[in-house]
Amino acid sequence: MAVDSEISTGGQDKHAILHARFGFNSFRPGQEKIVDWLAAGQHVLAVMPTGAGKSLCFQVPALMRGGVCIVVSPLVALMKDQVEGLKLDGISAETINSSQSREENVEIWKRVAAGEVAFLYLSPERLMDGRMLQALARLPVGLVAVDEAHCISQWGASFRPEYDALQGLRAALPDVPIGAFTATADAATQKDIAQKLFGGRANIQLSGFDRPNIRLHVARKDNKTRQLLDFVESRKGESGIVYALSRARTEALADELNAGGHRALAYHAGLPAEQRAEVQNLFMTEPGLIVCATIAFGMGIDKPDVRFVFHADLPSTLEAYYQEIGRAGRDGEAADAYMIFGMEDAAKRRRFINMESSDEARRKSEGIRLSKLVDFAEAKSCRRQALLSYFGQASETCGNCDNCLGLSSVASPRPTKKVARADAMREAVAGGLNEALLQRLKALRFKLAQAKRVPAYVIFHDRVLIEMAREKPLTEMDLGEISGVGPAKLEKFGRAFLAEIASYIEAGG
């Protein structure tokens, strides 16, 4: 299935683009090989954990190859956020979508046809429209990137029929490399994606599934409202997501949280589109908000400082569980994934499987996946080992799940050692960090994001602010050395952040 050949990336320097456009001095593990394959015109399936930097994996080779890069994305809100992020990096990007007027879309297309747009974000249904494909075939398309690629697989937890039409991409744009990106794909799903998009022949990069900063915990369900309130009591002021099975339950849990002194909103498919968009926007921009949601809330949520995900009901599969907990801790800081579980949840899920699918093979497959999820919930050994094993990744005991942490040091001293190492690592990361300055920088970022009507992470990710708070740069040259501060963002936001740092220091900080 995989094709691994010698690669030449042409005359443009990937490292120069990485630094000059995005402000990074080096690639993260797993990124560079994907960049090289795509730059060389080869198809790629990349399975990368959330927060691993998949966008750079297609943005850098797209700029190397030139022409327009078509990015397939499932959500209008996600497309808009990513377009705004690229524009803040000084890169021309646009989206054509149903939320814009026909006149606006026509004007954007004229710019695309004139070669003035480097990245064009489209939904799968709009891209695979016959007229759009014919128009794109006349343009220098340098690359196609398919985000959330697991949606094309009938074996995945998030199959979307509109993604199925992407099977026609290779025939429509035969000389264009395609990069497919997902954080959630077991072996069967990987094979299905590769077959549908690439005819089974593609470079496959598995960057690992582990998110070691997320602590895993499963408890027997007793009283889910009380268990939720007990869980969040020590987490006031932290952003989090609570997943529940029914629309009514999301609203009831949000009411209970608000009554308990927390700031919570409900989100489900039964709400008007405007209300859903407002909840999502508030979650992305306001600190300390908890969203109680069905699975309708999730895809495209790229908020770095989500500190917990709480499952009040059993998710549908281990893939869904992994994807949902992956919305926590994207800034690399400690986060919690807490699930309460009862056998009645499994029985309800099995009824759903039998009602929703008339295909015997699919019912059998989904039944096996449900059994794997129940095995995980009832596991007495390391949960992270069980989760990663499901995706085909071997690992040691983690020292950061309820089962590992519950083992006695006499019975198993080796988890104990890993916990100590993890604590030492957290202390080392925090060394030299001024928490008060970091909070001021976050407040400034929030103000700038509100003014531009974008999520805060589009201005700067948390890790960039953390480095600012640690290094305390006072000149534009010093600020430009912070990883993630590219020339365009330095020009747009540099003075504001330098002034905030200087003000803090002058006040004796």
Protein backbone atom coordinates (compact mmCIF):
# COMPACT_ATOMS: atom_id res chain seq x y z
CA MET A 1 0.00 0.00 0.00
CA ALA A 2 2.74 2.47 0.95
CA VAL A 3 5.02 4.09 -1.63
CA ASP A 4 8.32 5.38 -0.21
CA SER A 5 10.71 6.73 -2.84
CA GLU A 6 13.59 9.19 -2.92
CA ILE A 7 12.28 12.72 -2.73
CA SER A 8 13.37 15.97 -4.32
CA THR A 9 11.56 19.07 -3.11
CA GLY A 10 12.66 21.36 -5.92
CA GLY A 11 14.20 24.79 -5.59
CA GLN A 12 12.11 26.31 -2.81
CA ASP A 13 13.41 25.78 0.70
CA LYS A 14 10.88 24.25 3.07
CA HIS A 15 12.77 25.54 6.12
CA ALA A 16 12.82 29.09 4.74
CA ILE A 17 9.05 28.95 4.19
CA LEU A 18 8.50 27.47 7.65
CA HIS A 19 10.43 30.30 9.29
CA ALA A 20 9.55 33.26 7.05
CA ARG A 21 5.82 32.52 6.81
CA PHE A 22 4.99 30.80 10.08
CA GLY A 23 7.77 31.79 12.48
CA PHE A 24 9.02 28.27 13.29
CA ASN A 25 12.68 27.25 13.19
CA SER A 26 12.12 23.51 12.84
CA PHE A 27 9.47 20.92 12.08
CA ARG A 28 7.84 18.83 14.78
CA PRO A 29 8.33 15.05 14.74
CA GLY A 30 6.47 13.47 11.82
CA GLN A 31 5.87 16.68 9.87
CA GLU A 32 8.89 16.89 7.59
CA LYS A 33 8.45 13.55 5.84
CA ILE A 34 4.86 14.44 4.94
CA VAL A 35 5.99 17.83 3.63
CA ASP A 36 8.63 16.16 1.44
CA TRP A 37 6.22 13.60 -0.02
CA LEU A 38 3.59 16.19 -0.93
CA ALA A 39 6.17 18.65 -2.28
CA ALA A 40 7.42 15.85 -4.55
CA GLY A 41 3.91 15.29 -5.92
CA GLN A 42 3.12 12.08 -4.04
CA HIS A 43 -0.15 11.13 -2.32
CA VAL A 44 -0.09 10.93 1.48
CA LEU A 45 -2.33 9.61 4.23
CA ALA A 46 -1.24 11.16 7.54
CA VAL A 47 -2.68 9.92 10.83
CA MET A 48 -1.56 12.43 13.42
CA PRO A 49 -2.71 13.06 17.00
CA THR A 50 -4.62 16.27 17.60
CA GLY A 51 -2.29 19.16 18.26
CA ALA A 52 0.54 17.65 16.19
CA GLY A 53 0.47 20.44 13.58
CA LYS A 54 -1.20 18.80 10.58
CA SER A 55 -2.01 22.13 8.88
CA LEU A 56 1.66 22.96 8.35
CA CYS A 57 2.08 19.56 6.71
CA PHE A 58 0.07 20.73 3.71
CA GLN A 59 0.56 24.50 3.97
CA VAL A 60 4.35 24.36 3.56
CA PRO A 61 4.41 22.03 0.50
CA ALA A 62 1.54 23.98 -1.05
CA LEU A 63 3.62 27.16 -0.90
CA MET A 64 6.62 25.23 -2.25
CA ARG A 65 4.64 23.92 -5.23
CA GLY A 66 2.83 27.15 -6.04
CA GLY A 67 -0.57 27.47 -7.67
CA VAL A 68 -3.69 27.18 -5.54
CA CYS A 69 -4.10 24.60 -2.77
CA ILE A 70 -7.64 23.26 -2.38
CA VAL A 71 -8.44 22.38 1.24
CA VAL A 72 -11.48 20.17 1.84
CA SER A 73 -13.10 20.85 5.21
CA PRO A 74 -16.46 19.74 6.63
CA LEU A 75 -17.51 22.87 8.55
CA VAL A 76 -18.00 26.47 7.49
CA ALA A 77 -16.90 27.79 10.89
CA LEU A 78 -13.69 25.75 10.73
CA MET A 79 -12.95 26.96 7.20
CA LYS A 80 -13.40 30.58 8.23
CA ASP A 81 -11.10 30.22 11.25
CA GLN A 82 -8.34 28.63 9.18
CA VAL A 83 -8.67 31.25 6.45
CA GLU A 84 -8.35 34.03 9.00
CA GLY A 85 -5.34 32.30 10.54
CA LEU A 86 -3.55 32.17 7.18
CA LYS A 87 -4.38 35.81 6.47
CA LEU A 88 -2.86 36.81 9.81
CA ASP A 89 0.28 34.97 8.66
CA GLY A 90 0.30 37.15 5.56
CA ILE A 91 -0.88 34.37 3.23
CA SER A 92 -3.73 34.82 0.74
CA ALA A 93 -6.58 32.45 1.58
CA GLU A 94 -10.34 32.39 0.93
CA THR A 95 -13.37 30.17 1.30
CA ILE A 96 -16.39 29.79 -0.94
CA ASN A 97 -19.35 28.54 1.05
CA SER A 98 -23.09 28.71 1.51
CA SER A 99 -22.97 31.25 4.36
CA GLN A 100 -21.74 33.94 1.95
CA SER A 101 -23.75 35.75 -0.71
CA ARG A 102 -23.49 34.68 -4.33
CA GLU A 103 -21.88 38.02 -5.16
CA GLU A 104 -19.21 37.52 -2.51
CA ASN A 105 -18.47 33.99 -3.71
CA VAL A 106 -18.23 35.19 -7.33
CA GLU A 107 -15.74 37.90 -6.39
CA ILE A 108 -13.62 35.39 -4.49
CA TRP A 109 -13.66 33.02 -7.46
CA LYS A 110 -12.43 35.81 -9.74
CA ARG A 111 -9.44 36.25 -7.43
CA VAL A 112 -8.81 32.51 -7.46
CA ALA A 113 -8.95 32.39 -11.27
CA ALA A 114 -6.55 35.36 -11.45
CA GLY A 115 -3.98 33.47 -9.37
CA GLU A 116 -4.30 35.77 -6.36
CA VAL A 117 -5.30 33.07 -3.81
CA ALA A 118 -2.88 30.49 -2.41
CA PHE A 119 -5.43 28.49 -0.36
CA LEU A 120 -9.10 27.92 -1.21
CA TYR A 121 -11.23 26.15 1.43
CA LEU A 122 -14.26 24.21 0.15
CA SER A 123 -16.77 21.73 1.51
CA PRO A 124 -16.61 18.28 -0.14
CA GLU A 125 -19.99 18.75 -1.83
CA ARG A 126 -19.01 22.12 -3.33
CA LEU A 127 -15.65 20.81 -4.53
CA MET A 128 -17.15 17.74 -6.21
CA ASP A 129 -19.81 19.76 -8.03
CA GLY A 130 -19.20 19.15 -11.74
CA ARG A 131 -18.84 22.81 -12.65
CA MET A 132 -16.35 23.47 -9.86
CA LEU A 133 -14.17 20.53 -10.89
CA GLN A 134 -14.21 21.65 -14.53
CA ALA A 135 -13.22 25.18 -13.51
CA LEU A 136 -10.42 23.95 -11.24
CA ALA A 137 -9.09 21.67 -13.99
CA ARG A 138 -8.26 24.82 -15.97
CA LEU A 139 -6.24 26.31 -13.10
CA PRO A 140 -2.78 25.49 -11.71
CA VAL A 141 -3.90 23.46 -8.71
CA GLY A 142 -0.75 22.56 -6.80
CA LEU A 143 -2.17 20.39 -4.03
CA VAL A 144 -5.41 19.07 -2.53
CA ALA A 145 -5.61 18.60 1.25
CA VAL A 146 -8.51 16.57 2.71
CA ASP A 147 -9.07 17.40 6.37
CA GLU A 148 -10.98 15.03 8.69
CA ALA A 149 -10.34 12.29 6.12
CA HIS A 150 -11.86 9.57 8.33
CA CYS A 151 -15.26 10.95 7.27
CA ILE A 152 -14.84 9.15 3.93
CA SER A 153 -14.68 5.72 5.54
CA GLN A 154 -17.83 3.69 6.11
CA TRP A 155 -15.99 1.91 8.95
CA GLY A 156 -15.25 5.08 10.87
CA ALA A 157 -17.35 6.61 13.61
CA SER A 158 -18.03 9.79 11.63
CA PHE A 159 -18.89 8.63 8.10
CA ARG A 160 -20.36 11.47 6.04
CA PRO A 161 -21.97 10.62 2.67
CA GLU A 162 -20.83 13.89 1.08
CA TYR A 163 -17.21 12.82 1.66
CA ASP A 164 -17.82 9.64 -0.37
CA ALA A 165 -17.85 11.66 -3.60
CA LEU A 166 -14.17 12.55 -3.02
CA GLN A 167 -13.37 9.18 -4.59
CA GLY A 168 -13.59 11.05 -7.90
CA LEU A 169 -10.74 13.47 -7.08
CA ARG A 170 -7.92 11.44 -8.65
CA ALA A 171 -9.74 11.21 -11.97
CA ALA A 172 -10.79 14.87 -11.96
CA LEU A 173 -7.32 16.22 -11.04
CA PRO A 174 -5.01 13.40 -12.14
CA ASP A 175 -1.67 15.17 -11.76
CA VAL A 176 -2.36 16.78 -8.40
CA PRO A 177 -1.00 15.26 -5.16
CA ILE A 178 -3.60 14.64 -2.46
CA GLY A 179 -2.88 14.78 1.25
CA ALA A 180 -5.45 13.15 3.54
CA PHE A 181 -5.27 14.05 7.24
CA THR A 182 -6.99 12.57 10.27
CA ALA A 183 -6.39 12.07 13.96
CA THR A 184 -8.70 9.05 14.21
CA ALA A 185 -8.28 5.96 12.06
CA ASP A 186 -7.75 2.34 13.02
CA ALA A 187 -6.21 -0.09 10.52
CA ALA A 188 -9.50 -0.83 8.72
CA THR A 189 -10.31 2.87 8.39
CA GLN A 190 -6.81 3.66 7.10
CA LYS A 191 -7.15 0.98 4.43
CA ASP A 192 -10.58 2.28 3.42
CA ILE A 193 -9.36 5.89 3.12
CA ALA A 194 -6.33 4.86 1.06
CA GLN A 195 -8.45 2.72 -1.25
CA LYS A 196 -11.07 5.38 -1.89
CA LEU A 197 -8.75 8.38 -2.32
CA PHE A 198 -5.64 6.78 -3.79
CA GLY A 199 -6.65 3.41 -5.22
CA GLY A 200 -4.73 1.79 -2.39
CA ARG A 201 -1.36 3.37 -3.25
CA ALA A 202 -0.14 6.15 -0.98
CA ASN A 203 2.58 7.06 1.45
CA ILE A 204 1.22 6.46 4.94
CA GLN A 205 2.60 8.32 7.93
CA LEU A 206 1.45 7.22 11.38
CA SER A 207 2.67 9.73 13.93
CA GLY A 208 1.30 7.90 16.92
CA PHE A 209 -1.92 8.25 18.84
CA ASP A 210 -0.67 9.00 22.32
CA ARG A 211 -1.71 12.17 24.14
CA PRO A 212 0.24 11.63 27.38
CA ASN A 213 -0.85 14.94 28.93
CA ILE A 214 -4.48 13.73 29.09
CA ARG A 215 -5.26 11.77 32.26
CA LEU A 216 -7.77 8.97 31.60
CA HIS A 217 -10.38 8.00 34.18
CA VAL A 218 -13.49 5.81 34.05
CA ALA A 219 -15.93 5.44 36.95
CA ARG A 220 -19.09 3.41 37.43
CA LYS A 221 -22.18 5.50 36.82
CA ASP A 222 -24.11 6.24 39.99
CA ASN A 223 -25.74 9.66 39.73
CA LYS A 224 -24.33 11.42 36.67
CA THR A 225 -25.46 14.88 37.68
CA ARG A 226 -23.85 14.59 41.11
CA GLN A 227 -20.75 12.95 39.66
CA LEU A 228 -20.38 15.78 37.15
CA LEU A 229 -20.82 18.50 39.79
CA ASP A 230 -18.28 16.81 42.04
CA PHE A 231 -15.83 16.58 39.15
CA VAL A 232 -16.04 20.24 38.09
CA GLU A 233 -16.10 21.63 41.64
CA SER A 234 -12.30 21.78 41.79
CA ARG A 235 -12.10 23.05 38.20
CA LYS A 236 -13.98 26.35 38.41
CA GLY A 237 -12.85 28.78 35.76
CA GLU A 238 -11.60 26.03 33.44
CA SER A 239 -12.95 25.38 29.95
CA GLY A 240 -14.43 21.95 29.35
CA ILE A 241 -16.82 19.85 27.30
CA VAL A 242 -19.47 17.54 28.75
CA TYR A 243 -20.83 14.94 26.33
CA ALA A 244 -24.30 13.45 26.85
CA LEU A 245 -26.40 11.17 24.67
CA SER A 246 -29.62 13.17 24.41
CA ARG A 247 -30.46 16.77 23.62
CA ALA A 248 -32.63 17.08 26.72
CA ARG A 249 -29.81 15.80 28.92
CA THR A 250 -27.35 18.40 27.61
CA GLU A 251 -29.76 21.16 28.57
CA ALA A 252 -30.45 19.63 31.99
CA LEU A 253 -26.74 19.27 32.76
CA ALA A 254 -26.04 22.85 31.65
CA ASP A 255 -28.79 24.07 33.99
CA GLU A 256 -27.32 22.07 36.90
CA LEU A 257 -23.84 23.47 36.25
CA ASN A 258 -25.12 27.05 36.09
CA ALA A 259 -27.01 26.52 39.35
CA GLY A 260 -23.76 25.29 40.85
CA GLY A 261 -21.95 28.51 40.03
CA HIS A 262 -20.35 27.49 36.73
CA ARG A 263 -20.77 29.10 33.31
CA ALA A 264 -22.33 26.49 31.02
CA LEU A 265 -24.23 26.36 27.73
CA ALA A 266 -25.99 23.54 25.89
CA TYR A 267 -25.27 22.58 22.28
CA HIS A 268 -27.14 20.08 20.12
CA ALA A 269 -28.46 19.65 16.59
CA GLY A 270 -31.97 20.73 17.65
CA LEU A 271 -30.88 24.31 18.27
CA PRO A 272 -31.19 26.94 15.50
CA ALA A 273 -28.04 27.29 13.39
CA GLU A 274 -27.48 30.85 14.66
CA GLN A 275 -27.61 29.70 18.28
CA ARG A 276 -25.21 26.83 17.62
CA ALA A 277 -22.79 29.22 15.94
CA GLU A 278 -23.03 31.61 18.88
CA VAL A 279 -22.32 28.86 21.44
CA GLN A 280 -19.32 27.70 19.43
CA ASN A 281 -18.01 31.26 19.10
CA LEU A 282 -18.40 31.90 22.83
CA PHE A 283 -16.60 28.66 23.65
CA MET A 284 -13.70 29.55 21.36
CA THR A 285 -13.30 33.08 22.71
CA GLU A 286 -14.49 33.13 26.34
CA PRO A 287 -12.31 31.60 29.06
CA GLY A 288 -13.84 29.21 31.60
CA LEU A 289 -16.95 28.21 29.60
CA ILE A 290 -18.33 24.65 29.80
CA VAL A 291 -20.35 23.32 26.86
CA CYS A 292 -22.75 20.42 27.48
CA ALA A 293 -23.22 18.80 24.11
CA THR A 294 -24.19 15.87 21.99
CA ILE A 295 -21.67 14.66 19.41
CA ALA A 296 -22.97 17.47 17.15
CA PHE A 297 -20.37 19.61 18.95
CA GLY A 298 -16.83 18.63 18.18
CA MET A 299 -15.41 18.51 14.70
CA GLY A 300 -13.34 21.61 14.09
CA ILE A 301 -13.08 22.56 17.76
CA ASP A 302 -9.46 23.70 18.00
CA LYS A 303 -9.42 25.50 21.34
CA PRO A 304 -6.00 24.91 22.94
CA ASP A 305 -6.91 25.35 26.61
CA VAL A 306 -9.79 22.88 27.07
CA ARG A 307 -8.88 21.39 30.42
CA PHE A 308 -11.34 18.51 30.54
CA VAL A 309 -13.76 16.35 28.60
CA PHE A 310 -16.42 14.60 30.69
CA HIS A 311 -18.50 11.78 29.19
CA ALA A 312 -21.79 11.63 31.07
CA ASP A 313 -22.84 8.81 28.73
CA LEU A 314 -20.97 6.14 26.80
CA PRO A 315 -19.61 7.31 23.40
CA SER A 316 -20.36 5.23 20.32
CA THR A 317 -16.91 3.66 19.75
CA LEU A 318 -13.30 3.89 20.91
CA GLU A 319 -12.59 6.00 17.81
CA ALA A 320 -15.30 8.44 18.89
CA TYR A 321 -13.98 8.43 22.47
CA TYR A 322 -10.43 9.12 21.28
CA GLN A 323 -11.59 11.90 18.99
CA GLU A 324 -13.73 13.51 21.70
CA ILE A 325 -11.12 13.42 24.47
CA GLY A 326 -8.64 14.78 21.93
CA ARG A 327 -10.34 18.16 22.20
CA ALA A 328 -8.72 18.55 25.63
CA GLY A 329 -5.18 19.68 26.32
CA ARG A 330 -4.18 20.75 22.82
CA ASP A 331 -1.78 23.25 24.40
CA GLY A 332 0.21 20.31 25.79
CA GLU A 333 -0.69 21.14 29.38
CA ALA A 334 -2.32 18.66 31.77
CA ALA A 335 -5.96 17.80 31.00
CA ASP A 336 -8.55 15.26 32.15
CA ALA A 337 -10.75 12.80 30.30
CA TYR A 338 -13.36 11.48 32.72
CA MET A 339 -16.07 9.02 31.72
CA ILE A 340 -18.85 7.52 33.81
CA PHE A 341 -20.12 4.18 32.57
CA GLY A 342 -22.96 1.74 33.25
CA MET A 343 -23.99 -1.42 31.44
CA GLU A 344 -27.33 0.21 30.63
CA ASP A 345 -25.34 2.60 28.41
CA ALA A 346 -23.93 -0.33 26.44
CA ALA A 347 -27.40 -1.84 26.06
CA LYS A 348 -28.73 1.49 24.76
CA ARG A 349 -25.86 1.76 22.26
CA ARG A 350 -26.54 -1.77 21.03
CA ARG A 351 -30.20 -0.88 20.44
CA PHE A 352 -29.07 2.13 18.41
CA ILE A 353 -26.86 -0.09 16.25
CA ASN A 354 -29.74 -2.46 15.54
CA MET A 355 -32.16 0.38 14.74
CA GLU A 356 -29.86 2.55 12.63
CA SER A 357 -28.35 0.03 10.23
CA SER A 358 -30.04 -2.48 7.94
CA ASP A 359 -26.70 -3.80 6.71
CA GLU A 360 -25.75 -7.01 8.51
CA ALA A 361 -22.00 -6.57 7.99
CA ARG A 362 -22.12 -3.05 9.39
CA ARG A 363 -24.20 -4.15 12.40
CA LYS A 364 -21.65 -6.86 13.13
CA SER A 365 -18.73 -4.44 12.77
CA GLU A 366 -20.34 -1.83 15.02
CA GLY A 367 -21.18 -4.52 17.58
CA ILE A 368 -17.51 -5.54 17.74
CA ARG A 369 -16.47 -1.90 18.16
CA LEU A 370 -18.96 -1.47 20.99
CA SER A 371 -17.57 -4.57 22.72
CA LYS A 372 -14.04 -3.12 22.46
CA LEU A 373 -15.28 0.09 24.07
CA VAL A 374 -16.89 -1.81 26.94
CA ASP A 375 -13.66 -3.79 27.42
CA PHE A 376 -11.79 -0.49 27.71
CA ALA A 377 -14.29 0.89 30.23
CA GLU A 378 -14.02 -2.24 32.37
CA ALA A 379 -10.23 -2.61 32.08
CA LYS A 380 -8.28 -3.15 35.30
CA SER A 381 -4.88 -2.54 33.71
CA CYS A 382 -3.40 0.59 32.11
CA ARG A 383 -6.13 2.33 30.10
CA ARG A 384 -3.71 4.12 27.78
CA GLN A 385 -2.13 0.80 26.83
CA ALA A 386 -5.59 -0.57 26.01
CA LEU A 387 -6.56 2.53 23.99
CA LEU A 388 -3.32 2.71 22.00
CA SER A 389 -3.36 -1.05 21.41
CA TYR A 390 -6.75 -0.67 19.72
CA PHE A 391 -5.09 1.63 17.18
CA GLY A 392 -2.17 -0.76 16.74
CA GLN A 393 0.36 1.16 18.85
CA ALA A 394 2.39 -0.60 21.55
CA SER A 395 3.16 1.32 24.73
CA GLU A 396 4.35 1.01 28.30
CA THR A 397 2.06 1.57 31.27
CA CYS A 398 1.36 5.29 31.36
CA GLY A 399 1.29 6.33 34.99
CA ASN A 400 -1.43 8.82 34.08
CA CYS A 401 -4.72 6.91 34.19
CA ASP A 402 -6.91 5.87 37.09
CA ASN A 403 -5.75 2.26 36.96
CA CYS A 404 -2.04 3.11 36.91
CA LEU A 405 -2.42 5.74 39.62
CA GLY A 406 -4.49 3.33 41.72
CA LEU A 407 -1.81 0.65 41.77
CA SER A 408 0.24 0.40 44.95
CA SER A 409 3.95 1.15 44.75
CA VAL A 410 4.63 -2.28 46.26
CA ALA A 411 2.64 -4.11 43.61
CA SER A 412 3.96 -2.07 40.67
CA PRO A 413 6.74 0.45 41.36
CA ARG A 414 7.33 1.15 37.61
CA PRO A 415 4.02 3.33 37.25
CA THR A 416 5.13 5.19 40.29
CA LYS A 417 8.41 6.07 38.56
CA LYS A 418 6.60 7.36 35.47
CA VAL A 419 4.35 9.57 37.59
CA ALA A 420 7.44 11.01 39.28
CA ARG A 421 9.03 11.65 35.88
CA ALA A 422 5.86 13.31 34.62
CA ASP A 423 5.70 15.56 37.69
CA ALA A 424 9.38 16.47 37.27
CA MET A 425 8.79 17.27 33.60
CA ARG A 426 5.86 19.54 34.42
CA GLU A 427 8.00 21.39 36.97
CA ALA A 428 10.78 21.79 34.40
CA VAL A 429 8.36 23.17 31.83
CA ALA A 430 7.01 25.65 34.38
CA GLY A 431 10.53 26.76 35.37
CA GLY A 432 11.03 30.45 34.69
CA LEU A 433 7.40 30.94 33.68
CA ASN A 434 5.67 33.96 35.15
CA GLU A 435 2.03 32.95 35.57
CA ALA A 436 0.81 36.50 36.25
CA LEU A 437 2.40 37.77 33.03
CA LEU A 438 0.97 34.82 31.12
CA GLN A 439 -2.53 35.71 32.27
CA ARG A 440 -2.03 39.31 31.14
CA LEU A 441 -0.85 38.12 27.73
CA LYS A 442 -3.89 35.83 27.47
CA ALA A 443 -6.18 38.74 28.34
CA LEU A 444 -4.54 40.86 25.62
CA ARG A 445 -4.91 38.03 23.11
CA PHE A 446 -8.59 37.66 24.04
CA LYS A 447 -9.16 41.39 23.47
CA LEU A 448 -7.45 41.30 20.07
CA ALA A 449 -9.36 38.16 19.07
CA GLN A 450 -12.69 39.75 19.98
CA ALA A 451 -11.84 42.83 17.91
CA LYS A 452 -11.08 40.66 14.88
CA ARG A 453 -13.92 38.22 15.62
CA VAL A 454 -11.65 35.18 15.52
CA PRO A 455 -10.82 32.46 18.08
CA ALA A 456 -7.97 33.39 20.40
CA TYR A 457 -5.66 30.64 19.11
CA VAL A 458 -5.70 32.26 15.66
CA ILE A 459 -3.79 35.21 17.13
CA PHE A 460 -1.21 33.06 18.96
CA HIS A 461 -1.35 29.56 20.42
CA ASP A 462 -0.89 29.18 24.17
CA ARG A 463 2.59 27.73 23.73
CA VAL A 464 3.67 30.99 22.05
CA LEU A 465 2.37 33.06 24.98
CA ILE A 466 4.04 30.68 27.43
CA GLU A 467 7.39 31.27 25.73
CA MET A 468 6.78 35.03 25.77
CA ALA A 469 6.03 34.91 29.50
CA ARG A 470 9.17 32.89 30.10
CA GLU A 471 11.59 34.88 27.89
CA LYS A 472 10.04 38.36 28.39
CA PRO A 473 11.23 39.87 25.06
CA LEU A 474 11.47 43.67 24.99
CA THR A 475 12.42 44.30 21.35
CA GLU A 476 10.85 43.27 18.04
CA MET A 477 14.02 41.33 17.23
CA ASP A 478 13.72 39.31 20.45
CA LEU A 479 9.99 38.75 19.98
CA GLY A 480 10.64 37.54 16.43
CA GLU A 481 12.83 34.78 17.88
CA ILE A 482 9.86 33.30 19.75
CA SER A 483 8.74 30.14 17.95
CA GLY A 484 5.42 30.78 16.22
CA VAL A 485 5.85 34.54 15.81
CA GLY A 486 6.21 34.99 12.05
CA PRO A 487 6.94 38.33 10.32
CA ALA A 488 3.29 39.04 9.51
CA LYS A 489 2.08 38.50 13.08
CA LEU A 490 5.09 40.39 14.44
CA GLU A 491 4.04 43.38 12.37
CA LYS A 492 0.34 43.11 13.31
CA PHE A 493 0.61 42.30 17.01
CA GLY A 494 4.22 42.77 18.08
CA ARG A 495 3.92 46.27 19.54
CA ALA A 496 0.86 45.37 21.61
CA PHE A 497 2.50 42.33 23.22
CA LEU A 498 5.83 44.09 23.75
CA ALA A 499 4.01 46.97 25.44
CA GLU A 500 2.18 44.54 27.75
CA ILE A 501 5.43 42.83 28.72
CA ALA A 502 7.20 46.16 29.29
CA SER A 503 4.31 47.46 31.39
CA TYR A 504 4.41 44.34 33.56
CA ILE A 505 8.15 44.63 34.12
CA GLU A 506 7.96 48.36 34.87
CA ALA A 507 5.33 47.62 37.52
CA GLY A 508 7.84 45.39 39.29
CA GLY A 509 6.83 42.05 37.78
